[in-house]
Every structure is written in structure tokens, then in C-alpha cells.
Amino acid sequence: MQVSVEAGEGLERKLTVQVPAETVEQEVNNRLNSMKNSVRVDGFRPGKVPLKVLKQKYSQAVLQEVAGDLMQSTFRDALAQENLRPAGDPRIEAEPAVLGEAMQYTAIFEVYPEVAVASLSDMAIEKTSAEVADSDVDNMIEVLRKQKMDWQEVEREATDGDRVTIDFVGSIDGEEFDGGSGKDMPVELGSGQMIDGFEEALKGLKAGDEKTFPVTFPEDYAAKDLAGKAAEFAVTVKKVEEPKLPEIDEEFAKAFGVESGDVEQLKKEIRDNMERELNKRLRVLLKENVMDALLAANPVDVPSAIVREEAENLKKQMEAQGQGSGLDVELFMDEAKRRVQLGMLLAEVAKMASLNIDADAIKERIEEMSKDYDDPEEFVRYYMSNQELLGGVQTLVMEDKVVDWIAEQAKVSESNKTFDEVMNPEAAK
């Protein structure tokens, strides 16, 4: 067997393999001989059919089988001989096999790159730290109070934060328009649920008041026949209500699952949940910073076949979640390339650092994940009995170990932030 390798563009390789005619013919003869006892040819007893006759009747069919099998076996041998690791299935170019002639084919494929990680001590990483303050717990309790908020009718003029129940009739150029009227419609002032100017016009009104005022529909209004048009609304106020927040008492604590009604216990559970979510977010931020720094310091070329396979997987995941249907796989290629690059780099770092994980670490992560579910024990049992899910957790645990190890080697700068700056960065701006 003769083998030659030609480097193509990037990671592409062209592997040409030539199998001697004698090898092909010998294999064909071996198979024909093995057929003697199973084939029937008129004029000959079973097992007594001459090889020459078998060749005349079956050589072409057997040759095609032999060519296919030799292609598979010699391809594996050639890869081992040339120390090549193909990424994805090869594209085979070959002429039809001819008995008595050497068989030759070319396999075109991409190979996995050699990954070498640059010095981690030169990498700069920012690590964010934050704590849950008493004020953060108080703010969360206020959020919970608003979830249980009720409305109380008042005999005064409406202002921001009030809910006003109205009857209204809208018209354009003196003519009522479809969908422009309604009865007993609640409008929360300051919520921005109505078009500009509508809620502002209701301020200062009280139950029984009537008012007519102009507004202009925005140019990008969903109903195209109304977009950009000036309208007039005649409004009758039915009632004005102000928000009534519940007291932070035993009843309030019970409403959020504290059976004893102990408010301090409620606050403790709220703090525990907030700290758990904060720690998870801080882990995510650290991982993102480490990944970004690792990739920036170690650009790596990756096989397009593997990237496309990962892109297909991302698309399928979105479709399974009810999204991504009909989207072109090309939209997922950039994220897929990043994932493949990081996967190779992380694997190399794990190898460098001789990192391993054990069953206890995997179970500990599953138990941590289970705290977000109503039945933690059932969650743990389900994950521990599912090999596919266990594999996913194993990957996460290994990623965390690699991230921690890289952070220990790199130049780390601390960044202190508040709970809101970490958990609600847009709102905190």
C-alpha cells in the first residue's frame, strides 16, 4: 500500500492511497473460493465449481464489495501510518475498480488542529465580587409586597401610581373608529400602557368626572390605519383606586411558603435564595471572563465540519424549546465556532493540569441544582439515573474546575459591585 498526504487550505488534507493489484485480486479470489459451497452453477456439483467459472459469473460483483471493504480498512491503516485525526467524514474520490489493476482513491477531509495553550500567567482576568446587603433583602421584600398588592378605592383626584377605571370613546375627524371605545377599562397611571398623552390626561380627575382630550397615535403604531393620526377621546371616570401594599406580618410570611408565619424566617429564606442566585451569577461572570481571555490569547483554527455539526445541535436545541424553527443554520455558526474553539482549549488545559472529577463532585453539583425545584430529592434521583444528563453535568463540573485552575494561574483583578449591579446591570445604570 502506497500512501501520500497533501496539505490543502487550512486544516484540509488530501490522503491518496494506492492498493496493489495483487492485493485486490487475492482478496477477490479468497471471497470467490469461500462462495464455492454456497453457490449453485448448472453442470457442477456444490463445492466443485472451478474458480475460473466463479470469476466469470461473480467477479465484478465481488470486486465492488472488495473495493469498498479495502477502502475502509486501508483508510484506517493510512490514517494510523500518517498520524492523522480526521474531523468529520471524508469525501472520497475514486475511479471504478478494475480487476488486474491497482486500486487508487483520494480521501479529502479536515483534521483536528494541534492545540497549544499560551502562558496563562500572562492572562488578565477580572473577577467580580458582591454581597447581599440588608437593603437588598428589604428591596426584595418590597418587590414581593407589590406582587401581593391590592387596590383600594379613594375619593380624590387621580395621580401617578393610581388605577383609574374609565369608559371611553375615540374618534378621528369626528368619526368613531373601530377598537376606539371601551367600558370599565382599568388604566394604571404612569405605567406607559397607553399611547403618549393618554395617561397624563387622566391625572387630576376623580370618579364621575368627564373629559375630552386630543392624542396622536405614534407613527409605528401596530394598527396601520391609525398610525400617525390625530384622535380625540371622550372619557368618563368610573372610579379611582390607590395601591394598597400588604403588611409584612404573619399572613404575609405564610403567603410565601413560611408555614410558621415567622417574618424573620422569611427574610432568612429570601437572603439564602438571593445569595444562591448571586453566587451563580458571579460564577457565570468569572467563566465568561476566563473564556474570553483564553480565546483571545489562543486563537485556534477549527474544522468546519465540527463547527457545522455544533451549529446544527444549537439549532435543534432552540427548536426543542419552541424557538428557531425555520431559521438558517448559518445564524448559529459564529456561536458554534466559539464553542468548538473553547472546547478544544479547555480540554487541553485540563490535560495540562491533570484535572479529574469524581462521582462526588457530580452529585454535589446535581444537589446544588436541585435546590431550585419543588422536589429536590426527585430531581436528584432523575438526574442520577439518566446517563445523558449526567454527561452534561460532568462537562459543567469539569469546566468549572478548569476555570478555577486558570484563574489561579492568571493575573486576577477584583471588581466590587452591589447586588443590583450584578443581578440587574441594565437597571443599575
Protein backbone atom coordinates (compact mmCIF):
# COMPACT_ATOMS: atom_id res chain seq x y z
CA MET A 1 0.00 0.00 0.00
CA GLN A 2 1.36 3.38 -1.02
CA VAL A 3 0.19 6.48 0.86
CA SER A 4 0.78 10.18 0.21
CA VAL A 5 -0.58 13.24 2.01
CA GLU A 6 -1.12 16.69 0.55
CA ALA A 7 -1.99 19.68 2.75
CA GLY A 8 -4.90 21.74 1.46
CA GLU A 9 -6.24 25.06 2.69
CA GLY A 10 -6.32 25.42 6.47
CA LEU A 11 -6.94 22.06 8.10
CA GLU A 12 -7.81 20.22 4.88
CA ARG A 13 -5.80 17.15 3.95
CA LYS A 14 -5.81 15.03 0.79
CA LEU A 15 -4.84 11.43 1.50
CA THR A 16 -4.11 9.34 -1.59
CA VAL A 17 -3.96 5.58 -1.15
CA GLN A 18 -2.90 3.03 -3.76
CA VAL A 19 -3.61 -0.65 -3.15
CA PRO A 20 -1.54 -3.09 -5.30
CA ALA A 21 -3.39 -5.10 -7.95
CA GLU A 22 -2.12 -8.31 -6.36
CA THR A 23 -3.75 -7.44 -3.04
CA VAL A 24 -7.08 -6.70 -4.70
CA GLU A 25 -7.00 -9.85 -6.82
CA GLN A 26 -6.00 -12.04 -3.87
CA GLU A 27 -8.90 -10.74 -1.81
CA VAL A 28 -11.32 -11.28 -4.72
CA ASN A 29 -10.06 -14.86 -5.15
CA ASN A 30 -10.40 -15.53 -1.42
CA ARG A 31 -14.02 -14.45 -1.46
CA LEU A 32 -14.82 -16.37 -4.61
CA ASN A 33 -13.31 -19.52 -3.08
CA SER A 34 -15.41 -19.01 0.06
CA MET A 35 -18.51 -18.98 -2.16
CA LYS A 36 -17.92 -22.46 -3.61
CA ASN A 37 -20.05 -24.27 -1.07
CA SER A 38 -22.93 -21.81 -1.14
CA VAL A 39 -23.50 -21.03 -4.85
CA ARG A 40 -25.12 -23.34 -7.41
CA VAL A 41 -23.98 -23.39 -11.03
CA ASP A 42 -25.64 -25.63 -13.60
CA GLY A 43 -23.43 -28.56 -14.56
CA PHE A 44 -21.38 -28.56 -11.38
CA ARG A 45 -21.89 -30.25 -8.04
CA PRO A 46 -21.96 -27.99 -4.92
CA GLY A 47 -18.40 -27.23 -3.82
CA LYS A 48 -16.91 -28.35 -7.15
CA VAL A 49 -17.39 -25.15 -9.18
CA PRO A 50 -14.00 -24.14 -10.71
CA LEU A 51 -12.60 -20.74 -9.69
CA LYS A 52 -12.48 -19.73 -13.35
CA VAL A 53 -16.25 -20.22 -13.65
CA LEU A 54 -16.92 -18.32 -10.44
CA LYS A 55 -14.81 -15.45 -11.74
CA GLN A 56 -16.82 -15.28 -14.96
CA LYS A 57 -20.13 -15.10 -13.12
CA TYR A 58 -19.35 -13.19 -9.91
CA SER A 59 -16.00 -11.39 -10.17
CA GLN A 60 -17.45 -7.91 -10.88
CA ALA A 61 -19.93 -8.03 -8.01
CA VAL A 62 -17.30 -9.40 -5.62
CA LEU A 63 -14.79 -6.81 -6.84
CA GLN A 64 -17.09 -3.96 -5.86
CA GLU A 65 -17.57 -5.43 -2.38
CA VAL A 66 -13.83 -5.95 -2.00
CA ALA A 67 -13.10 -2.39 -3.19
CA GLY A 68 -15.48 -0.95 -0.58
CA ASP A 69 -14.04 -3.06 2.25
CA LEU A 70 -10.44 -2.35 1.23
CA MET A 71 -11.21 1.35 1.12
CA GLN A 72 -12.38 1.25 4.75
CA SER A 73 -9.53 -0.88 6.07
CA THR A 74 -6.73 0.83 4.14
CA PHE A 75 -8.11 4.27 5.07
CA ARG A 76 -7.85 3.38 8.77
CA ASP A 77 -4.35 1.97 8.26
CA ALA A 78 -3.25 5.04 6.28
CA LEU A 79 -4.54 7.41 8.98
CA ALA A 80 -2.58 5.49 11.62
CA GLN A 81 0.52 5.41 9.41
CA GLU A 82 0.42 9.18 8.81
CA ASN A 83 -0.74 10.00 12.37
CA LEU A 84 -3.82 11.89 11.17
CA ARG A 85 -7.03 12.58 13.15
CA PRO A 86 -9.88 13.33 10.74
CA ALA A 87 -12.66 15.67 11.82
CA GLY A 88 -15.89 14.54 10.23
CA ASP A 89 -16.46 12.06 7.41
CA PRO A 90 -14.08 12.14 4.44
CA ARG A 91 -15.06 12.90 0.85
CA ILE A 92 -13.87 10.00 -1.31
CA GLU A 93 -12.80 10.42 -4.92
CA ALA A 94 -12.13 7.14 -6.74
CA GLU A 95 -12.34 5.55 -10.17
CA PRO A 96 -14.22 2.23 -10.51
CA ALA A 97 -12.04 -0.72 -9.52
CA VAL A 98 -10.69 -2.87 -12.37
CA LEU A 99 -9.54 -6.42 -11.75
CA GLY A 100 -5.85 -6.77 -12.52
CA GLU A 101 -5.11 -3.10 -11.87
CA ALA A 102 -4.06 -1.23 -8.73
CA MET A 103 -6.93 0.40 -6.83
CA GLN A 104 -6.44 4.09 -6.00
CA TYR A 105 -8.59 6.62 -4.19
CA THR A 106 -8.24 10.03 -2.57
CA ALA A 107 -9.87 10.90 0.77
CA ILE A 108 -10.36 14.60 1.44
CA PHE A 109 -11.06 15.66 4.99
CA GLU A 110 -10.20 18.12 7.73
CA VAL A 111 -8.01 17.23 10.69
CA TYR A 112 -8.13 18.33 14.29
CA PRO A 113 -5.60 21.07 14.97
CA GLU A 114 -2.68 20.79 17.31
CA VAL A 115 -3.71 22.91 20.29
CA ALA A 116 -1.03 24.67 22.32
CA VAL A 117 -2.10 26.98 25.16
CA ALA A 118 -0.07 30.13 25.72
CA SER A 119 1.29 31.02 29.15
CA LEU A 120 -1.66 31.50 31.48
CA SER A 121 0.36 33.71 33.85
CA ASP A 122 0.22 36.50 31.25
CA MET A 123 -3.59 36.43 31.04
CA ALA A 124 -5.52 39.27 32.73
CA ILE A 125 -8.90 38.37 34.21
CA GLU A 126 -11.42 40.47 36.12
CA LYS A 127 -13.20 38.74 38.99
CA THR A 128 -16.38 40.35 40.26
CA SER A 129 -17.35 40.11 43.92
CA ALA A 130 -20.57 41.20 45.63
CA GLU A 131 -22.62 40.57 48.76
CA VAL A 132 -26.30 40.60 49.65
CA ALA A 133 -26.82 43.62 51.91
CA ASP A 134 -29.74 44.14 54.32
CA SER A 135 -31.03 46.84 51.98
CA ASP A 136 -31.09 44.28 49.12
CA VAL A 137 -33.28 41.99 51.22
CA ASP A 138 -35.55 44.92 52.08
CA ASN A 139 -35.84 45.80 48.38
CA MET A 140 -36.75 42.21 47.54
CA ILE A 141 -39.44 42.22 50.22
CA GLU A 142 -40.88 45.35 48.60
CA VAL A 143 -40.96 43.51 45.28
CA LEU A 144 -42.84 40.67 46.98
CA ARG A 145 -45.26 43.14 48.57
CA LYS A 146 -46.04 44.56 45.14
CA GLN A 147 -46.77 41.04 43.91
CA LYS A 148 -49.48 40.82 46.59
CA MET A 149 -50.64 44.40 46.09
CA ASP A 150 -54.35 45.17 46.21
CA TRP A 151 -56.33 48.24 45.10
CA GLN A 152 -58.42 50.46 47.38
CA GLU A 153 -60.97 52.92 46.03
CA VAL A 154 -60.43 56.58 47.03
CA GLU A 155 -62.48 59.77 46.80
CA ARG A 156 -59.81 62.09 45.41
CA GLU A 157 -58.14 63.20 42.22
CA ALA A 158 -56.02 60.59 40.41
CA THR A 159 -52.24 60.81 40.43
CA ASP A 160 -49.25 58.70 39.36
CA GLY A 161 -49.46 55.11 40.62
CA ASP A 162 -53.26 55.16 40.90
CA ARG A 163 -55.53 52.92 38.86
CA VAL A 164 -58.36 54.69 37.07
CA THR A 165 -61.33 52.77 35.66
CA ILE A 166 -62.85 54.53 32.65
CA ASP A 167 -65.37 54.38 29.85
CA PHE A 168 -64.01 55.95 26.66
CA VAL A 169 -64.91 56.72 23.07
CA GLY A 170 -62.26 57.60 20.49
CA SER A 171 -62.86 59.48 17.25
CA ILE A 172 -60.90 60.80 14.28
CA ASP A 173 -62.28 63.82 12.42
CA GLY A 174 -65.48 63.44 14.43
CA GLU A 175 -65.99 59.78 13.42
CA GLU A 176 -65.64 56.91 15.89
CA PHE A 177 -63.10 54.27 14.75
CA ASP A 178 -63.00 50.52 15.23
CA GLY A 179 -61.48 49.46 18.54
CA GLY A 180 -61.53 53.03 19.82
CA SER A 181 -64.11 52.61 22.56
CA GLY A 182 -64.42 50.57 25.74
CA LYS A 183 -66.13 50.28 29.11
CA ASP A 184 -64.76 49.65 32.61
CA MET A 185 -61.18 49.72 31.40
CA PRO A 186 -58.55 49.95 34.16
CA VAL A 187 -55.59 52.24 33.43
CA GLU A 188 -52.61 52.40 35.80
CA LEU A 189 -51.23 55.94 35.64
CA GLY A 190 -47.51 56.10 34.95
CA SER A 191 -47.34 52.53 33.62
CA GLY A 192 -46.96 53.55 29.98
CA GLN A 193 -49.58 51.06 28.82
CA MET A 194 -51.46 53.68 26.80
CA ILE A 195 -50.26 55.88 23.94
CA ASP A 196 -48.38 59.08 24.83
CA GLY A 197 -50.59 61.72 26.41
CA PHE A 198 -53.48 59.44 27.36
CA GLU A 199 -52.46 58.62 30.94
CA GLU A 200 -51.25 62.18 31.54
CA ALA A 201 -54.72 63.48 30.58
CA LEU A 202 -56.35 61.34 33.30
CA LYS A 203 -54.32 62.85 36.13
CA GLY A 204 -56.33 65.21 38.34
CA LEU A 205 -59.67 63.54 37.53
CA LYS A 206 -61.87 61.87 40.12
CA ALA A 207 -64.82 59.48 40.00
CA GLY A 208 -67.70 60.95 37.96
CA ASP A 209 -65.53 63.42 36.01
CA GLU A 210 -65.75 63.61 32.22
CA LYS A 211 -63.05 64.90 29.91
CA THR A 212 -62.32 65.10 26.19
CA PHE A 213 -58.71 65.41 25.08
CA PRO A 214 -56.58 65.02 21.93
CA VAL A 215 -53.82 62.46 21.39
CA THR A 216 -51.75 61.45 18.37
CA PHE A 217 -51.07 57.84 17.51
CA PRO A 218 -47.34 57.08 17.03
CA GLU A 219 -46.01 56.60 13.50
CA ASP A 220 -45.09 52.97 14.28
CA TYR A 221 -48.48 52.09 15.82
CA ALA A 222 -49.45 48.46 15.23
CA ALA A 223 -52.79 49.35 13.59
CA LYS A 224 -51.53 50.88 10.34
CA ASP A 225 -54.82 52.73 9.63
CA LEU A 226 -54.32 54.69 12.88
CA ALA A 227 -50.54 55.23 12.75
CA GLY A 228 -49.60 58.91 12.92
CA LYS A 229 -53.21 60.13 13.05
CA ALA A 230 -54.63 62.74 15.46
CA ALA A 231 -57.54 61.44 17.54
CA GLU A 232 -59.85 62.68 20.30
CA PHE A 233 -61.01 60.67 23.29
CA ALA A 234 -64.08 61.34 25.42
CA VAL A 235 -63.55 59.76 28.85
CA THR A 236 -65.79 59.16 31.86
CA VAL A 237 -64.06 58.21 35.11
CA LYS A 238 -65.85 55.40 36.94
CA LYS A 239 -63.52 55.12 39.95
CA VAL A 240 -60.05 55.95 41.24
CA GLU A 241 -58.04 53.42 43.26
CA GLU A 242 -54.73 53.64 45.05
CA PRO A 243 -52.34 50.71 45.60
CA LYS A 244 -52.52 49.02 48.96
CA LEU A 245 -49.46 47.02 49.92
CA PRO A 246 -49.81 44.19 52.46
CA GLU A 247 -48.27 44.46 55.89
CA ILE A 248 -45.13 42.42 56.49
CA ASP A 249 -46.70 40.14 59.05
CA GLU A 250 -47.51 36.52 59.76
CA GLU A 251 -50.07 36.32 56.96
CA PHE A 252 -47.57 37.78 54.50
CA ALA A 253 -44.88 35.23 55.51
CA LYS A 254 -47.34 32.34 55.12
CA ALA A 255 -48.29 33.58 51.65
CA PHE A 256 -44.69 32.97 50.61
CA GLY A 257 -44.40 29.47 51.99
CA VAL A 258 -43.26 30.03 55.58
CA GLU A 259 -45.76 27.82 57.40
CA SER A 260 -44.89 29.20 60.84
CA GLY A 261 -45.56 32.76 59.69
CA ASP A 262 -42.21 33.85 61.15
CA VAL A 263 -41.17 37.04 59.32
CA GLU A 264 -37.52 36.62 60.30
CA GLN A 265 -37.56 33.12 58.82
CA LEU A 266 -38.99 34.59 55.63
CA LYS A 267 -36.18 37.14 55.49
CA LYS A 268 -33.61 34.39 56.03
CA GLU A 269 -35.05 32.30 53.19
CA ILE A 270 -35.11 35.35 50.94
CA ARG A 271 -31.48 36.11 51.75
CA ASP A 272 -30.47 32.47 51.17
CA ASN A 273 -32.16 32.47 47.76
CA MET A 274 -30.60 35.80 46.82
CA GLU A 275 -27.13 34.63 47.86
CA ARG A 276 -27.56 31.42 45.88
CA GLU A 277 -28.60 33.32 42.75
CA LEU A 278 -25.83 35.90 43.27
CA ASN A 279 -23.16 33.21 43.58
CA LYS A 280 -24.43 31.51 40.42
CA ARG A 281 -24.26 34.81 38.55
CA LEU A 282 -20.76 35.57 39.84
CA ARG A 283 -19.66 32.13 38.61
CA VAL A 284 -21.11 32.88 35.19
CA LEU A 285 -19.32 36.24 35.01
CA LEU A 286 -15.99 34.68 36.02
CA LYS A 287 -16.41 31.90 33.49
CA GLU A 288 -17.24 34.39 30.72
CA ASN A 289 -14.18 36.50 31.55
CA VAL A 290 -11.90 33.45 31.66
CA MET A 291 -13.29 32.10 28.38
CA ASP A 292 -12.91 35.47 26.64
CA ALA A 293 -9.32 35.85 27.86
CA LEU A 294 -8.42 32.25 26.98
CA LEU A 295 -9.78 32.58 23.45
CA ALA A 296 -8.17 35.99 22.89
CA ALA A 297 -4.76 34.63 23.92
CA ASN A 298 -5.13 31.38 21.97
CA PRO A 299 -6.80 31.81 18.58
CA VAL A 300 -7.28 28.33 17.16
CA ASP A 301 -8.40 27.17 13.72
CA VAL A 302 -11.18 24.59 13.97
CA PRO A 303 -12.62 22.08 11.47
CA SER A 304 -15.63 23.49 9.61
CA ALA A 305 -17.34 20.07 9.72
CA ILE A 306 -17.29 20.07 13.53
CA VAL A 307 -18.45 23.69 13.67
CA ARG A 308 -21.39 22.92 11.37
CA GLU A 309 -22.30 19.89 13.47
CA GLU A 310 -22.32 22.07 16.61
CA ALA A 311 -24.40 24.70 14.80
CA GLU A 312 -26.95 22.01 13.91
CA ASN A 313 -27.06 20.97 17.58
CA LEU A 314 -27.67 24.58 18.70
CA LYS A 315 -30.48 24.92 16.19
CA LYS A 316 -32.08 21.67 17.38
CA GLN A 317 -31.85 22.84 21.00
CA MET A 318 -33.68 26.07 20.13
CA GLU A 319 -36.32 24.16 18.19
CA ALA A 320 -36.84 21.82 21.16
CA GLN A 321 -37.56 24.95 23.24
CA GLY A 322 -40.15 26.11 20.71
CA GLN A 323 -37.79 28.57 19.01
CA GLY A 324 -35.50 28.56 15.99
CA SER A 325 -37.94 26.77 13.68
CA GLY A 326 -37.22 27.75 10.11
CA LEU A 327 -34.03 29.64 11.00
CA ASP A 328 -30.98 29.11 8.78
CA VAL A 329 -28.23 27.11 10.46
CA GLU A 330 -25.77 29.79 9.31
CA LEU A 331 -27.17 32.06 12.05
CA PHE A 332 -25.68 29.66 14.63
CA MET A 333 -22.23 29.31 13.05
CA ASP A 334 -20.41 32.06 15.00
CA GLU A 335 -21.56 30.76 18.38
CA ALA A 336 -20.83 27.20 17.27
CA LYS A 337 -17.28 28.14 16.24
CA ARG A 338 -16.66 29.79 19.61
CA ARG A 339 -17.94 26.71 21.45
CA VAL A 340 -15.78 24.33 19.45
CA GLN A 341 -12.70 26.53 19.94
CA LEU A 342 -13.28 26.76 23.69
CA GLY A 343 -13.99 23.04 23.96
CA MET A 344 -10.60 22.25 22.45
CA LEU A 345 -8.78 24.81 24.57
CA LEU A 346 -10.45 23.70 27.80
CA ALA A 347 -9.66 20.06 27.04
CA GLU A 348 -6.01 20.97 26.51
CA VAL A 349 -5.88 22.95 29.79
CA ALA A 350 -7.49 20.04 31.66
CA LYS A 351 -4.82 17.76 30.18
CA MET A 352 -2.03 20.21 31.09
CA ALA A 353 -3.25 20.48 34.68
CA SER A 354 -4.09 16.76 35.01
CA LEU A 355 -7.59 17.70 36.19
CA ASN A 356 -10.10 14.98 37.01
CA ILE A 357 -13.54 14.87 38.56
CA ASP A 358 -15.14 12.18 40.66
CA ALA A 359 -18.70 10.98 41.27
CA ASP A 360 -18.97 13.01 44.49
CA ALA A 361 -18.34 16.28 42.64
CA ILE A 362 -21.02 15.43 40.08
CA LYS A 363 -23.57 14.52 42.76
CA GLU A 364 -22.75 17.70 44.69
CA ARG A 365 -23.49 19.81 41.59
CA ILE A 366 -26.78 17.99 40.98
CA GLU A 367 -27.82 18.56 44.61
CA GLU A 368 -26.99 22.24 44.21
CA MET A 369 -29.12 22.42 41.05
CA SER A 370 -31.99 20.62 42.81
CA LYS A 371 -32.49 23.50 45.28
CA ASP A 372 -34.35 25.44 42.59
CA TYR A 373 -37.04 22.74 42.32
CA ASP A 374 -40.08 21.84 44.43
CA ASP A 375 -38.97 18.23 44.95
CA PRO A 376 -35.15 18.23 45.23
CA GLU A 377 -34.91 14.52 46.05
CA GLU A 378 -36.87 13.53 42.93
CA PHE A 379 -34.70 15.87 40.84
CA VAL A 380 -31.51 14.20 42.14
CA ARG A 381 -32.88 10.70 41.51
CA TYR A 382 -33.91 11.62 37.96
CA TYR A 383 -30.51 13.09 37.08
CA MET A 384 -28.51 10.29 38.70
CA SER A 385 -30.41 7.68 36.67
CA ASN A 386 -30.01 9.44 33.29
CA GLN A 387 -26.62 8.93 31.64
CA GLU A 388 -27.12 11.72 29.11
CA LEU A 389 -27.96 14.26 31.83
CA LEU A 390 -25.06 13.01 33.95
CA GLY A 391 -22.74 13.59 31.00
CA GLY A 392 -23.93 17.19 30.73
CA VAL A 393 -23.32 17.78 34.45
CA GLN A 394 -19.89 16.17 34.19
CA THR A 395 -18.99 18.66 31.44
CA LEU A 396 -20.14 21.59 33.61
CA VAL A 397 -18.16 20.39 36.62
CA MET A 398 -15.01 19.94 34.54
CA GLU A 399 -15.47 23.41 33.00
CA ASP A 400 -15.69 24.90 36.49
CA LYS A 401 -12.52 23.10 37.58
CA VAL A 402 -10.67 24.35 34.50
CA VAL A 403 -11.95 27.91 35.05
CA ASP A 404 -10.81 27.87 38.68
CA TRP A 405 -7.40 26.49 37.74
CA ILE A 406 -6.90 29.11 35.02
CA ALA A 407 -7.94 31.87 37.47
CA GLU A 408 -5.28 30.62 39.89
CA GLN A 409 -2.59 30.94 37.22
CA ALA A 410 -3.68 34.24 35.65
CA LYS A 411 -3.41 37.87 36.76
CA VAL A 412 -6.70 38.50 38.53
CA SER A 413 -8.08 41.94 39.38
CA GLU A 414 -11.00 42.26 41.82
CA SER A 415 -14.08 44.32 40.98
CA ASN A 416 -16.51 45.02 43.83
CA LYS A 417 -20.13 45.62 42.87
CA THR A 418 -23.52 45.80 44.52
CA PHE A 419 -26.14 43.08 44.29
CA ASP A 420 -28.18 45.11 41.78
CA GLU A 421 -25.12 45.91 39.65
CA VAL A 422 -24.52 42.18 39.28
CA MET A 423 -28.08 40.88 39.00
CA ASN A 424 -29.73 43.82 37.22
CA PRO A 425 -26.93 45.59 35.32
CA GLU A 426 -29.26 47.48 32.99
CA ALA A 427 -31.48 48.75 35.79
CA ALA A 428 -28.45 49.72 37.89
CA LYS A 429 -27.05 52.04 35.22
